[in-house]
Structure formats: C-alpha cells, structure tokens
C-alpha cells in the first residue's frame, strides 16, 4: 500500500488538498512553519491537530525543537493533542546524536516516532535499532548535494527488510512527480509531498486535452 502525506504547515494547503482523499496525513517541521509565517514556539498544536483531523488526516507529524530537555514534554503534549483530536500524532526527531539519545525516552511514552533529516543509508541502522516507526530521507536535498540518493534509498530499503523492523521509509524533499514515480517503481511506498508536487498529481496536459475533446463532442 502506498501512503501519501502533505508536507506543509499551511492550513490553506491542507484545506485545498486533503479533500481529494489522496492523502493520509500531514507532515510539518520548523522550517515549513517559518515559511507559513508561524512562530514555532507559539504554535497551538491542539488547534492544528483538530484542523488536520477535521480535514480527514489520520496522522499529524510535528518535530521537536529547542532545548533537548523539553523534547519529552513536547512529545507527550503532541500525543495528547492527537488523541483528543482523534488522529495519530507522530513525533519527528532529527538523526543528530542528541536526537538519537532522546528517542528511547520519547518512545517510552507509547506514541509513534519518525527519525528525520536522513542523508545516508547507514542511518537506517539507527532508525530500525531504536524501533522508530518512520525514517525520512531528504531525497531532493541529497541529489542537490551530489549524494547517490537513489542508491541510498535502495540500500535503506534493503537494510529495513533485513532487519525485520517495521520502520517505514517516508521519502521527503521530493522535487517532482517523476522522482516519486521512479522511487515507487523501485519499491518505495511512503511519500510526503510539498503542495506544488501534490498539486501536480491532480492534472496532466494530455488528460486535460482529452477531456476538452470529450466535452466538445458532448456539446455537439
């Protein structure tokens, strides 16, 4: 089964795309919040969770930030907001050493964890070893830095299969639907899409031309 997410902190993008029925959830991070004009420390995650749930999202992903000492409290609050809204909250933790060391305490809360900002296949060992539910490789950024992104994601998939762990690869930082098609053909099944990439799924010029022909014929 292929799962698609909207990668945005803009609720207007959620409102435009979630009603299509294509997307199972929403992913956010501090940079996306900044681009949406939001102050990350001031975000009302309870309100965000309710809005996401009202639009049909089954998951809302939000990232820890600030002093590490506050991450467990952030995670607990996010899980509570998710339960109250009727969706699954997922806590995103960066694959830094501080993040890695923080995961056991966050996982002990009983909620889902995504390890984010992956750039190398070796990081799949960390995510599977810690029992993370997801790992998010930054595919487009990997390509732009000259890294062998397609090869690395194939290696991540192989490591995950060998480990027997349930950790899913949630591919992030996709630049176009062509990348998504190739990755899906290579076995990837979980993607988070910026609104522009998500919108590109909804139309194709050849389909538009065909529909125009149908309408012209129907009107004759």
N, C-alpha and C. Protein backbone atom coordinates (compact mmCIF):
# COMPACT_ATOMS: atom_id res chain seq x y z
N UNK A 1 0.84 -1.20 0.00
CA UNK A 1 0.00 0.00 0.00
C UNK A 1 0.88 1.25 0.00
N UNK A 2 0.56 2.18 -0.87
CA UNK A 2 1.30 3.45 -0.92
C UNK A 2 0.56 4.50 -0.11
N UNK A 3 1.29 5.18 0.78
CA UNK A 3 0.72 6.25 1.59
C UNK A 3 1.34 7.58 1.21
N UNK A 4 0.49 8.58 1.05
CA UNK A 4 0.92 9.92 0.69
C UNK A 4 0.56 10.91 1.79
N UNK A 5 1.47 11.86 2.03
CA UNK A 5 1.27 12.91 3.03
C UNK A 5 1.47 14.27 2.38
N UNK A 6 0.89 15.30 2.99
CA UNK A 6 1.13 16.68 2.58
C UNK A 6 2.21 17.25 3.48
N UNK A 7 3.26 17.80 2.88
CA UNK A 7 4.39 18.34 3.64
C UNK A 7 4.26 19.85 3.71
N UNK A 8 3.53 20.34 4.68
CA UNK A 8 3.27 21.77 4.78
C UNK A 8 2.70 22.11 6.15
N UNK A 9 3.02 23.32 6.62
CA UNK A 9 2.40 23.84 7.84
C UNK A 9 1.32 24.86 7.52
N UNK A 10 1.02 25.05 6.23
CA UNK A 10 -0.01 26.00 5.81
C UNK A 10 -1.36 25.30 5.80
N UNK A 11 -2.23 25.71 6.69
CA UNK A 11 -3.54 25.06 6.76
C UNK A 11 -4.36 25.29 5.49
N UNK A 12 -4.07 26.36 4.76
CA UNK A 12 -4.77 26.58 3.49
C UNK A 12 -4.41 25.50 2.48
N UNK A 13 -3.16 25.04 2.51
CA UNK A 13 -2.75 23.94 1.63
C UNK A 13 -3.44 22.64 2.06
N UNK A 14 -3.55 22.44 3.36
CA UNK A 14 -4.28 21.26 3.85
C UNK A 14 -5.72 21.28 3.33
N UNK A 15 -6.36 22.46 3.46
CA UNK A 15 -7.76 22.58 3.07
C UNK A 15 -7.95 22.36 1.58
N UNK A 16 -6.95 22.73 0.78
CA UNK A 16 -7.05 22.55 -0.67
C UNK A 16 -6.83 21.11 -1.09
N UNK A 17 -5.96 20.39 -0.38
CA UNK A 17 -5.53 19.08 -0.84
C UNK A 17 -6.15 17.90 -0.10
N UNK A 18 -6.40 18.02 1.18
CA UNK A 18 -6.93 16.88 1.93
C UNK A 18 -8.28 16.38 1.39
N UNK A 19 -9.19 17.27 0.95
CA UNK A 19 -10.48 16.78 0.46
C UNK A 19 -10.39 15.92 -0.80
N UNK A 20 -9.25 15.87 -1.47
CA UNK A 20 -9.12 14.98 -2.62
C UNK A 20 -9.20 13.51 -2.22
N UNK A 21 -8.91 13.22 -0.95
CA UNK A 21 -8.92 11.84 -0.49
C UNK A 21 -7.65 11.08 -0.78
N UNK A 22 -6.64 11.76 -1.33
CA UNK A 22 -5.39 11.09 -1.69
C UNK A 22 -4.42 10.96 -0.53
N UNK A 23 -4.57 11.80 0.48
CA UNK A 23 -3.53 11.94 1.49
C UNK A 23 -4.00 11.43 2.85
N UNK A 24 -3.11 10.65 3.49
CA UNK A 24 -3.49 10.05 4.78
C UNK A 24 -3.07 10.92 5.96
N UNK A 25 -2.22 11.92 5.72
CA UNK A 25 -1.77 12.73 6.83
C UNK A 25 -0.97 13.93 6.39
N UNK A 26 -0.43 14.62 7.40
CA UNK A 26 0.28 15.88 7.19
C UNK A 26 1.59 15.84 7.95
N UNK A 27 2.66 16.30 7.31
CA UNK A 27 3.96 16.40 7.97
C UNK A 27 4.38 17.86 8.03
N UNK A 28 5.01 18.24 9.13
CA UNK A 28 5.46 19.62 9.32
C UNK A 28 6.86 19.60 9.94
N UNK A 29 7.49 20.76 9.95
CA UNK A 29 8.75 20.94 10.68
C UNK A 29 8.94 22.44 10.92
N UNK A 30 9.93 22.84 11.68
CA UNK A 30 10.10 24.27 11.98
C UNK A 30 10.32 25.13 10.74
N UNK A 31 11.04 24.62 9.73
CA UNK A 31 11.27 25.40 8.52
C UNK A 31 9.97 25.62 7.75
N UNK A 32 9.15 24.59 7.66
CA UNK A 32 7.87 24.74 6.99
C UNK A 32 6.97 25.71 7.75
N UNK A 33 7.05 25.68 9.07
CA UNK A 33 6.27 26.63 9.87
C UNK A 33 6.72 28.06 9.60
N UNK A 34 8.03 28.25 9.53
CA UNK A 34 8.56 29.59 9.24
C UNK A 34 8.07 30.08 7.88
N UNK A 35 8.10 29.19 6.88
CA UNK A 35 7.63 29.57 5.55
C UNK A 35 6.15 29.90 5.54
N UNK A 36 5.41 29.31 6.48
CA UNK A 36 3.98 29.58 6.59
C UNK A 36 3.70 30.83 7.42
N UNK A 37 4.76 31.49 7.89
CA UNK A 37 4.60 32.69 8.69
C UNK A 37 4.26 32.42 10.14
N UNK A 38 4.58 31.22 10.62
CA UNK A 38 4.26 30.85 12.00
C UNK A 38 5.50 30.91 12.89
N UNK A 39 5.31 31.30 14.13
CA UNK A 39 6.35 31.22 15.14
C UNK A 39 6.27 29.83 15.76
N UNK A 40 7.30 29.02 15.60
CA UNK A 40 7.20 27.62 16.02
C UNK A 40 6.85 27.47 17.50
N UNK A 41 7.51 28.23 18.40
CA UNK A 41 7.17 28.05 19.83
C UNK A 41 5.73 28.44 20.16
N UNK A 42 5.12 29.27 19.30
CA UNK A 42 3.77 29.76 19.59
C UNK A 42 2.67 28.93 18.95
N UNK A 43 3.02 27.90 18.19
CA UNK A 43 2.00 27.10 17.51
C UNK A 43 1.12 26.38 18.53
N UNK A 44 -0.18 26.45 18.31
CA UNK A 44 -1.15 25.73 19.12
C UNK A 44 -1.35 24.36 18.46
N UNK A 45 -0.64 23.35 18.95
CA UNK A 45 -0.70 22.04 18.30
C UNK A 45 -2.04 21.35 18.51
N UNK A 46 -2.74 21.72 19.55
CA UNK A 46 -4.09 21.19 19.73
C UNK A 46 -5.00 21.66 18.61
N UNK A 47 -4.90 22.96 18.30
CA UNK A 47 -5.70 23.52 17.22
C UNK A 47 -5.29 22.93 15.87
N UNK A 48 -3.99 22.76 15.66
CA UNK A 48 -3.51 22.19 14.41
C UNK A 48 -4.01 20.75 14.25
N UNK A 49 -3.96 19.99 15.33
CA UNK A 49 -4.43 18.60 15.27
C UNK A 49 -5.92 18.53 14.96
N UNK A 50 -6.69 19.41 15.57
CA UNK A 50 -8.13 19.42 15.31
C UNK A 50 -8.42 19.78 13.86
N UNK A 51 -7.68 20.76 13.34
CA UNK A 51 -7.89 21.17 11.94
C UNK A 51 -7.53 20.02 11.00
N UNK A 52 -6.40 19.37 11.27
CA UNK A 52 -5.98 18.25 10.42
C UNK A 52 -7.02 17.13 10.47
N UNK A 53 -7.50 16.81 11.66
CA UNK A 53 -8.49 15.74 11.80
C UNK A 53 -9.79 16.10 11.10
N UNK A 54 -10.22 17.35 11.22
CA UNK A 54 -11.46 17.79 10.58
C UNK A 54 -11.38 17.63 9.06
N UNK A 55 -10.16 17.74 8.52
CA UNK A 55 -9.96 17.61 7.07
C UNK A 55 -9.73 16.16 6.64
N UNK A 56 -9.76 15.24 7.60
CA UNK A 56 -9.65 13.83 7.26
C UNK A 56 -8.28 13.21 7.46
N UNK A 57 -7.33 13.96 8.01
CA UNK A 57 -5.99 13.40 8.24
C UNK A 57 -6.04 12.34 9.33
N UNK A 58 -5.34 11.25 9.09
CA UNK A 58 -5.22 10.21 10.11
C UNK A 58 -3.96 10.38 10.95
N UNK A 59 -2.99 11.14 10.43
CA UNK A 59 -1.74 11.38 11.15
C UNK A 59 -1.34 12.85 11.01
N UNK A 60 -0.71 13.37 12.07
CA UNK A 60 -0.07 14.69 12.04
C UNK A 60 1.32 14.54 12.62
N UNK A 61 2.34 14.91 11.83
CA UNK A 61 3.72 14.79 12.25
C UNK A 61 4.25 16.17 12.61
N UNK A 62 4.87 16.29 13.78
CA UNK A 62 5.47 17.55 14.22
C UNK A 62 6.82 17.26 14.87
N UNK A 63 7.74 18.20 14.73
CA UNK A 63 9.14 17.97 15.10
C UNK A 63 9.52 18.63 16.41
N UNK A 64 10.32 17.92 17.20
CA UNK A 64 10.89 18.51 18.41
C UNK A 64 11.83 19.64 18.01
N UNK A 65 11.97 20.62 18.89
CA UNK A 65 12.87 21.75 18.63
C UNK A 65 13.22 22.39 19.96
N UNK A 66 14.28 23.21 19.94
CA UNK A 66 14.68 23.88 21.16
C UNK A 66 15.51 22.99 22.06
N UNK A 67 15.65 23.35 23.34
CA UNK A 67 16.46 22.55 24.27
C UNK A 67 15.99 21.11 24.37
N UNK A 68 16.93 20.19 24.34
CA UNK A 68 16.61 18.76 24.38
C UNK A 68 15.82 18.41 25.64
N UNK A 69 16.07 19.12 26.71
CA UNK A 69 15.38 18.83 27.97
C UNK A 69 13.87 18.96 27.85
N UNK A 70 13.41 19.71 26.86
CA UNK A 70 11.97 19.90 26.71
C UNK A 70 11.31 18.97 25.70
N UNK A 71 12.09 18.10 25.07
CA UNK A 71 11.54 17.27 23.99
C UNK A 71 10.51 16.26 24.47
N UNK A 72 10.75 15.63 25.59
CA UNK A 72 9.80 14.63 26.08
C UNK A 72 8.46 15.29 26.40
N UNK A 73 8.50 16.46 27.02
CA UNK A 73 7.26 17.16 27.33
C UNK A 73 6.53 17.55 26.05
N UNK A 74 7.28 18.02 25.04
CA UNK A 74 6.67 18.35 23.75
C UNK A 74 5.99 17.12 23.16
N UNK A 75 6.71 15.99 23.19
CA UNK A 75 6.17 14.76 22.63
C UNK A 75 4.90 14.33 23.35
N UNK A 76 4.92 14.37 24.68
CA UNK A 76 3.73 13.97 25.44
C UNK A 76 2.55 14.87 25.10
N UNK A 77 2.80 16.17 25.02
CA UNK A 77 1.72 17.10 24.70
C UNK A 77 1.17 16.83 23.30
N UNK A 78 2.06 16.56 22.35
CA UNK A 78 1.62 16.30 20.99
C UNK A 78 0.78 15.02 20.92
N UNK A 79 1.23 13.98 21.61
CA UNK A 79 0.45 12.74 21.64
C UNK A 79 -0.94 12.99 22.24
N UNK A 80 -0.97 13.78 23.31
CA UNK A 80 -2.25 14.09 23.95
C UNK A 80 -3.17 14.86 23.00
N UNK A 81 -2.60 15.83 22.28
CA UNK A 81 -3.40 16.60 21.32
C UNK A 81 -3.94 15.69 20.22
N UNK A 82 -3.11 14.77 19.78
CA UNK A 82 -3.55 13.85 18.74
C UNK A 82 -4.72 12.99 19.20
N UNK A 83 -4.59 12.44 20.41
CA UNK A 83 -5.67 11.61 20.94
C UNK A 83 -6.96 12.41 21.08
N UNK A 84 -6.84 13.64 21.58
CA UNK A 84 -8.03 14.47 21.77
C UNK A 84 -8.71 14.80 20.44
N UNK A 85 -7.89 14.94 19.39
CA UNK A 85 -8.44 15.29 18.07
C UNK A 85 -8.91 14.06 17.29
N UNK A 86 -8.52 12.88 17.75
CA UNK A 86 -8.93 11.67 17.06
C UNK A 86 -8.03 11.27 15.92
N UNK A 87 -6.76 11.68 15.98
CA UNK A 87 -5.80 11.23 14.99
C UNK A 87 -4.52 10.76 15.68
N UNK A 88 -3.62 10.20 14.90
CA UNK A 88 -2.34 9.70 15.43
C UNK A 88 -1.28 10.79 15.29
N UNK A 89 -0.77 11.28 16.39
CA UNK A 89 0.35 12.23 16.35
C UNK A 89 1.65 11.45 16.24
N UNK A 90 2.55 11.96 15.42
CA UNK A 90 3.87 11.34 15.23
C UNK A 90 4.92 12.39 15.55
N UNK A 91 5.83 12.06 16.46
CA UNK A 91 6.89 12.99 16.86
C UNK A 91 8.11 12.77 15.99
N UNK A 92 8.55 13.85 15.35
CA UNK A 92 9.73 13.81 14.49
C UNK A 92 10.97 14.19 15.30
N UNK A 93 11.99 13.36 15.21
CA UNK A 93 13.24 13.59 15.95
C UNK A 93 14.39 13.55 14.95
N UNK A 94 15.25 14.58 14.93
CA UNK A 94 16.35 14.58 13.96
C UNK A 94 17.39 13.50 14.27
N UNK A 95 18.06 13.04 13.23
CA UNK A 95 19.06 11.98 13.36
C UNK A 95 20.42 12.53 13.77
N UNK A 96 20.41 13.52 14.65
CA UNK A 96 21.64 14.00 15.29
C UNK A 96 21.93 13.10 16.48
N UNK A 97 23.13 13.23 17.06
CA UNK A 97 23.43 12.42 18.24
C UNK A 97 22.46 12.73 19.37
N UNK A 98 22.16 14.02 19.54
CA UNK A 98 21.21 14.40 20.60
C UNK A 98 19.85 13.77 20.35
N UNK A 99 19.43 13.78 19.09
CA UNK A 99 18.14 13.19 18.76
C UNK A 99 18.13 11.69 19.00
N UNK A 100 19.19 11.03 18.57
CA UNK A 100 19.29 9.57 18.76
C UNK A 100 19.20 9.22 20.24
N UNK A 101 19.92 9.98 21.07
CA UNK A 101 19.92 9.69 22.51
C UNK A 101 18.57 9.99 23.16
N UNK A 102 17.78 10.86 22.53
CA UNK A 102 16.49 11.23 23.11
C UNK A 102 15.37 10.26 22.76
N UNK A 103 15.56 9.47 21.72
CA UNK A 103 14.47 8.63 21.23
C UNK A 103 13.96 7.61 22.25
N UNK A 104 14.81 6.90 22.99
CA UNK A 104 14.26 5.92 23.93
C UNK A 104 13.25 6.51 24.92
N UNK A 105 13.54 7.70 25.43
CA UNK A 105 12.62 8.32 26.39
C UNK A 105 11.32 8.72 25.71
N UNK A 106 11.40 9.17 24.47
CA UNK A 106 10.19 9.55 23.74
C UNK A 106 9.38 8.31 23.38
N UNK A 107 10.05 7.26 22.95
CA UNK A 107 9.33 6.02 22.61
C UNK A 107 8.66 5.42 23.84
N UNK A 108 9.24 5.65 25.00
CA UNK A 108 8.66 5.11 26.24
C UNK A 108 7.28 5.71 26.53
N UNK A 109 6.95 6.82 25.88
CA UNK A 109 5.64 7.43 26.06
C UNK A 109 4.55 6.63 25.35
N UNK A 110 4.96 5.77 24.42
CA UNK A 110 4.00 4.90 23.76
C UNK A 110 3.47 5.38 22.43
N UNK A 111 3.96 6.53 21.96
CA UNK A 111 3.49 7.05 20.67
C UNK A 111 4.45 6.73 19.54
N UNK A 112 4.09 7.19 18.36
CA UNK A 112 4.91 6.94 17.19
C UNK A 112 6.03 7.97 17.05
N UNK A 113 7.15 7.51 16.48
CA UNK A 113 8.33 8.36 16.29
C UNK A 113 8.81 8.25 14.85
N UNK A 114 9.16 9.38 14.28
CA UNK A 114 9.81 9.45 12.97
C UNK A 114 11.18 10.07 13.15
N UNK A 115 12.20 9.43 12.61
CA UNK A 115 13.54 9.99 12.65
C UNK A 115 13.79 10.71 11.33
N UNK A 116 14.14 11.99 11.42
CA UNK A 116 14.15 12.84 10.24
C UNK A 116 15.53 13.37 9.91
N UNK A 117 15.61 13.97 8.71
CA UNK A 117 16.86 14.54 8.18
C UNK A 117 17.90 13.46 7.91
N UNK A 118 17.47 12.37 7.28
CA UNK A 118 18.39 11.30 6.89
C UNK A 118 19.03 11.63 5.55
N UNK A 119 20.34 11.40 5.47
CA UNK A 119 21.09 11.66 4.24
C UNK A 119 21.93 10.46 3.82
N UNK A 120 21.99 9.42 4.63
CA UNK A 120 22.88 8.29 4.36
C UNK A 120 22.18 6.99 4.77
N UNK A 121 22.42 5.93 3.99
CA UNK A 121 21.78 4.65 4.28
C UNK A 121 22.15 4.11 5.65
N UNK A 122 23.33 4.48 6.17
CA UNK A 122 23.73 3.98 7.49
C UNK A 122 22.73 4.38 8.57
N UNK A 123 22.01 5.48 8.34
CA UNK A 123 21.07 5.97 9.35
C UNK A 123 19.86 5.05 9.50
N UNK A 124 19.66 4.18 8.52
CA UNK A 124 18.59 3.19 8.64
C UNK A 124 18.88 2.22 9.78
N UNK A 125 20.15 1.93 10.04
CA UNK A 125 20.51 1.07 11.17
C UNK A 125 20.06 1.71 12.48
N UNK A 126 20.19 3.02 12.57
CA UNK A 126 19.78 3.74 13.78
C UNK A 126 18.27 3.67 13.96
N UNK A 127 17.55 4.01 12.89
CA UNK A 127 16.09 4.04 12.98
C UNK A 127 15.51 2.67 13.31
N UNK A 128 16.01 1.63 12.65
CA UNK A 128 15.50 0.29 12.93
C UNK A 128 15.93 -0.18 14.32
N UNK A 129 17.16 0.15 14.70
CA UNK A 129 17.66 -0.27 16.01
C UNK A 129 16.90 0.35 17.16
N UNK A 130 16.41 1.56 16.95
CA UNK A 130 15.66 2.25 18.00
C UNK A 130 14.16 1.97 17.93
N UNK A 131 13.75 1.23 16.92
CA UNK A 131 12.33 0.91 16.79
C UNK A 131 11.48 2.07 16.32
N UNK A 132 12.10 3.00 15.57
CA UNK A 132 11.33 4.13 15.04
C UNK A 132 10.28 3.62 14.05
N UNK A 133 9.16 4.30 14.01
CA UNK A 133 8.09 3.92 13.09
C UNK A 133 8.39 4.36 11.67
N UNK A 134 9.11 5.47 11.54
CA UNK A 134 9.44 6.01 10.23
C UNK A 134 10.87 6.57 10.24
N UNK A 135 11.44 6.64 9.04
CA UNK A 135 12.66 7.42 8.81
C UNK A 135 12.39 8.27 7.57
N UNK A 136 12.81 9.53 7.60
CA UNK A 136 12.56 10.43 6.49
C UNK A 136 13.86 10.87 5.83
N UNK A 137 14.24 10.23 4.72
CA UNK A 137 15.39 10.71 3.96
C UNK A 137 15.00 11.94 3.14
N UNK A 138 15.92 12.92 3.09
CA UNK A 138 15.67 14.15 2.35
C UNK A 138 16.17 13.97 0.92
N UNK A 139 15.35 13.33 0.11
CA UNK A 139 15.77 12.86 -1.20
C UNK A 139 16.27 13.99 -2.10
N UNK A 140 15.47 15.03 -2.28
CA UNK A 140 15.87 16.12 -3.16
C UNK A 140 17.14 16.81 -2.70
N UNK A 141 17.26 17.03 -1.42
CA UNK A 141 18.47 17.66 -0.88
C UNK A 141 19.68 16.76 -1.10
N UNK A 142 19.48 15.45 -0.99
CA UNK A 142 20.58 14.51 -1.24
C UNK A 142 21.09 14.66 -2.67
N UNK A 143 20.17 14.68 -3.63
CA UNK A 143 20.57 14.85 -5.03
C UNK A 143 21.30 16.16 -5.24
N UNK A 144 20.78 17.22 -4.64
CA UNK A 144 21.36 18.54 -4.84
C UNK A 144 22.74 18.68 -4.20
N UNK A 145 23.05 17.83 -3.25
CA UNK A 145 24.38 17.82 -2.64
C UNK A 145 25.32 16.82 -3.32
N UNK A 146 24.85 16.23 -4.41
CA UNK A 146 25.69 15.30 -5.14
C UNK A 146 25.75 13.92 -4.54
N UNK A 147 24.85 13.61 -3.63
CA UNK A 147 24.83 12.29 -3.00
C UNK A 147 24.06 11.29 -3.87
N UNK A 148 24.42 10.01 -3.80
CA UNK A 148 23.74 8.98 -4.61
C UNK A 148 22.39 8.62 -4.01
N UNK A 149 21.42 9.50 -4.20
CA UNK A 149 20.16 9.39 -3.48
C UNK A 149 19.37 8.13 -3.83
N UNK A 150 19.28 7.81 -5.11
CA UNK A 150 18.51 6.61 -5.49
C UNK A 150 19.15 5.36 -4.90
N UNK A 151 20.47 5.27 -4.99
CA UNK A 151 21.18 4.11 -4.44
C UNK A 151 20.99 4.03 -2.93
N UNK A 152 21.10 5.17 -2.25
CA UNK A 152 20.97 5.19 -0.79
C UNK A 152 19.58 4.73 -0.35
N UNK A 153 18.54 5.16 -1.06
CA UNK A 153 17.20 4.74 -0.67
C UNK A 153 16.98 3.26 -0.93
N UNK A 154 17.58 2.74 -1.98
CA UNK A 154 17.52 1.30 -2.20
C UNK A 154 18.22 0.53 -1.09
N UNK A 155 19.35 1.07 -0.64
CA UNK A 155 20.08 0.43 0.46
C UNK A 155 19.28 0.51 1.76
N UNK A 156 18.64 1.64 2.01
CA UNK A 156 17.79 1.76 3.20
C UNK A 156 16.69 0.71 3.18
N UNK A 157 16.09 0.54 2.03
CA UNK A 157 15.01 -0.44 1.92
C UNK A 157 15.54 -1.85 2.20
N UNK A 158 16.71 -2.17 1.66
CA UNK A 158 17.30 -3.49 1.88
C UNK A 158 17.64 -3.70 3.36
N UNK A 159 18.18 -2.67 4.00
CA UNK A 159 18.51 -2.78 5.43
C UNK A 159 17.24 -2.99 6.25
N UNK A 160 16.19 -2.26 5.90
CA UNK A 160 14.93 -2.43 6.62
C UNK A 160 14.37 -3.83 6.48
N UNK A 161 14.42 -4.37 5.28
CA UNK A 161 13.93 -5.73 5.06
C UNK A 161 14.77 -6.75 5.83
N UNK A 162 16.09 -6.55 5.81
CA UNK A 162 16.99 -7.48 6.51
C UNK A 162 16.77 -7.43 8.02
N UNK A 163 16.46 -6.25 8.53
CA UNK A 163 16.30 -6.10 9.98
C UNK A 163 15.01 -6.71 10.50
N UNK A 164 14.02 -6.79 9.62
CA UNK A 164 12.71 -7.26 10.06
C UNK A 164 11.95 -6.23 10.87
N UNK A 165 12.52 -5.03 10.99
CA UNK A 165 11.87 -3.97 11.76
C UNK A 165 10.73 -3.35 10.95
N UNK A 166 9.74 -2.79 11.62
CA UNK A 166 8.60 -2.19 10.90
C UNK A 166 8.85 -0.76 10.43
N UNK A 167 10.06 -0.24 10.60
CA UNK A 167 10.36 1.14 10.23
C UNK A 167 10.07 1.39 8.76
N UNK A 168 9.21 2.37 8.48
CA UNK A 168 8.88 2.71 7.09
C UNK A 168 9.73 3.89 6.62
N UNK A 169 10.10 3.85 5.37
CA UNK A 169 10.83 4.96 4.76
C UNK A 169 9.81 5.95 4.22
N UNK A 170 9.75 7.13 4.82
CA UNK A 170 8.85 8.19 4.37
C UNK A 170 9.71 9.19 3.59
N UNK A 171 9.67 9.09 2.28
CA UNK A 171 10.56 9.89 1.44
C UNK A 171 10.09 11.34 1.44
N UNK A 172 11.01 12.24 1.80
CA UNK A 172 10.71 13.67 1.86
C UNK A 172 11.60 14.44 0.89
N UNK A 173 11.30 15.71 0.73
CA UNK A 173 12.11 16.61 -0.09
C UNK A 173 12.12 16.17 -1.56
N UNK A 174 10.97 15.73 -2.04
CA UNK A 174 10.83 15.39 -3.46
C UNK A 174 10.62 16.67 -4.25
N UNK A 175 11.24 16.74 -5.41
CA UNK A 175 11.16 17.95 -6.23
C UNK A 175 10.12 17.86 -7.34
N UNK A 176 9.76 16.64 -7.73
CA UNK A 176 8.76 16.49 -8.79
C UNK A 176 8.18 15.08 -8.75
N UNK A 177 7.10 14.89 -9.50
CA UNK A 177 6.43 13.60 -9.51
C UNK A 177 7.25 12.53 -10.23
N UNK A 178 8.14 12.94 -11.13
CA UNK A 178 8.99 11.96 -11.81
C UNK A 178 9.88 11.21 -10.83
N UNK A 179 10.42 11.93 -9.85
CA UNK A 179 11.23 11.28 -8.81
C UNK A 179 10.38 10.28 -8.04
N UNK A 180 9.19 10.68 -7.73
CA UNK A 180 8.26 9.83 -6.98
C UNK A 180 7.94 8.56 -7.76
N UNK A 181 7.69 8.70 -9.06
CA UNK A 181 7.37 7.53 -9.90
C UNK A 181 8.53 6.55 -9.91
N UNK A 182 9.74 7.06 -10.11
CA UNK A 182 10.91 6.17 -10.16
C UNK A 182 11.12 5.47 -8.82
N UNK A 183 10.99 6.20 -7.74
CA UNK A 183 11.19 5.60 -6.42
C UNK A 183 10.13 4.55 -6.12
N UNK A 184 8.88 4.82 -6.49
CA UNK A 184 7.83 3.84 -6.27
C UNK A 184 8.08 2.58 -7.09
N UNK A 185 8.58 2.75 -8.31
CA UNK A 185 8.91 1.59 -9.15
C UNK A 185 10.04 0.77 -8.55
N UNK A 186 10.86 1.42 -7.70
CA UNK A 186 11.97 0.72 -7.04
C UNK A 186 11.57 0.19 -5.67
N UNK A 187 10.29 0.31 -5.32
CA UNK A 187 9.80 -0.31 -4.10
C UNK A 187 9.45 0.62 -2.96
N UNK A 188 9.67 1.93 -3.10
CA UNK A 188 9.30 2.86 -2.02
C UNK A 188 7.78 3.04 -2.02
N UNK A 189 7.21 3.15 -0.81
CA UNK A 189 5.75 3.18 -0.74
C UNK A 189 5.19 4.23 0.20
N UNK A 190 5.99 5.22 0.56
CA UNK A 190 5.54 6.22 1.52
C UNK A 190 6.22 7.55 1.18
N UNK A 191 5.42 8.57 0.86
CA UNK A 191 5.97 9.83 0.37
C UNK A 191 5.26 11.02 1.02
N UNK A 192 6.02 12.06 1.34
CA UNK A 192 5.41 13.31 1.76
C UNK A 192 5.75 14.36 0.72
N UNK A 193 4.73 15.11 0.30
CA UNK A 193 4.85 15.98 -0.87
C UNK A 193 4.56 17.43 -0.52
N UNK A 194 5.43 18.31 -0.99
CA UNK A 194 5.14 19.74 -0.91
C UNK A 194 3.87 20.01 -1.71
N UNK A 195 3.12 21.06 -1.35
CA UNK A 195 1.86 21.31 -2.04
C UNK A 195 1.98 21.39 -3.56
N UNK A 196 3.07 21.98 -4.06
CA UNK A 196 3.24 22.08 -5.51
C UNK A 196 3.37 20.72 -6.17
N UNK A 197 4.13 19.83 -5.54
CA UNK A 197 4.28 18.47 -6.08
C UNK A 197 2.96 17.71 -5.95
N UNK A 198 2.30 17.88 -4.82
CA UNK A 198 1.00 17.23 -4.63
C UNK A 198 0.00 17.69 -5.68
N UNK A 199 -0.01 18.99 -5.96
CA UNK A 199 -0.93 19.54 -6.96
C UNK A 199 -0.66 18.95 -8.33
N UNK A 200 0.61 18.65 -8.62
CA UNK A 200 0.97 18.10 -9.93
C UNK A 200 0.38 16.72 -10.16
N UNK A 201 0.01 16.03 -9.08
CA UNK A 201 -0.65 14.73 -9.23
C UNK A 201 -2.06 14.86 -9.78
N UNK A 202 -2.64 16.04 -9.65
CA UNK A 202 -4.05 16.22 -9.95
C UNK A 202 -4.33 16.56 -11.40
N UNK A 203 -3.29 16.75 -12.19
CA UNK A 203 -3.53 17.16 -13.57
C UNK A 203 -2.40 16.69 -14.48
N UNK A 204 -2.73 16.47 -15.74
CA UNK A 204 -1.76 16.14 -16.77
C UNK A 204 -2.24 16.80 -18.06
N UNK A 205 -1.36 17.46 -18.81
CA UNK A 205 -1.81 18.19 -20.00
C UNK A 205 -2.50 17.30 -21.03
N UNK A 206 -2.05 16.06 -21.16
CA UNK A 206 -2.68 15.16 -22.12
C UNK A 206 -4.10 14.79 -21.68
N UNK A 207 -4.26 14.61 -20.37
CA UNK A 207 -5.59 14.33 -19.84
C UNK A 207 -6.51 15.53 -20.03
N UNK A 208 -5.98 16.73 -19.78
CA UNK A 208 -6.76 17.95 -19.96
C UNK A 208 -7.23 18.06 -21.41
N UNK A 209 -6.32 17.80 -22.35
CA UNK A 209 -6.68 17.87 -23.77
C UNK A 209 -7.75 16.84 -24.12
N UNK A 210 -7.62 15.63 -23.57
CA UNK A 210 -8.61 14.59 -23.85
C UNK A 210 -9.98 14.98 -23.31
N UNK A 211 -10.01 15.55 -22.11
CA UNK A 211 -11.28 15.96 -21.51
C UNK A 211 -11.92 17.06 -22.34
N UNK A 212 -11.11 17.99 -22.83
CA UNK A 212 -11.65 19.05 -23.69
C UNK A 212 -12.29 18.47 -24.94
N UNK A 213 -11.66 17.44 -25.52
CA UNK A 213 -12.24 16.77 -26.69
C UNK A 213 -13.57 16.11 -26.34
N UNK A 214 -13.60 15.43 -25.17
CA UNK A 214 -14.83 14.79 -24.75
C UNK A 214 -15.96 15.81 -24.60
N UNK A 215 -15.63 16.94 -23.95
CA UNK A 215 -16.64 17.96 -23.71
C UNK A 215 -17.13 18.57 -25.02
N UNK A 216 -16.19 18.78 -25.95
CA UNK A 216 -16.59 19.33 -27.25
C UNK A 216 -17.51 18.36 -27.98
N UNK A 217 -17.18 17.07 -27.90
CA UNK A 217 -18.02 16.07 -28.56
C UNK A 217 -19.40 15.99 -27.90
N UNK A 218 -19.41 16.09 -26.57
CA UNK A 218 -20.68 16.01 -25.85
C UNK A 218 -21.59 17.19 -26.15
N UNK A 219 -20.98 18.32 -26.47
CA UNK A 219 -21.75 19.54 -26.73
C UNK A 219 -22.22 19.64 -28.17
N UNK A 220 -21.75 18.75 -29.03
CA UNK A 220 -22.09 18.87 -30.46
C UNK A 220 -23.42 18.19 -30.78
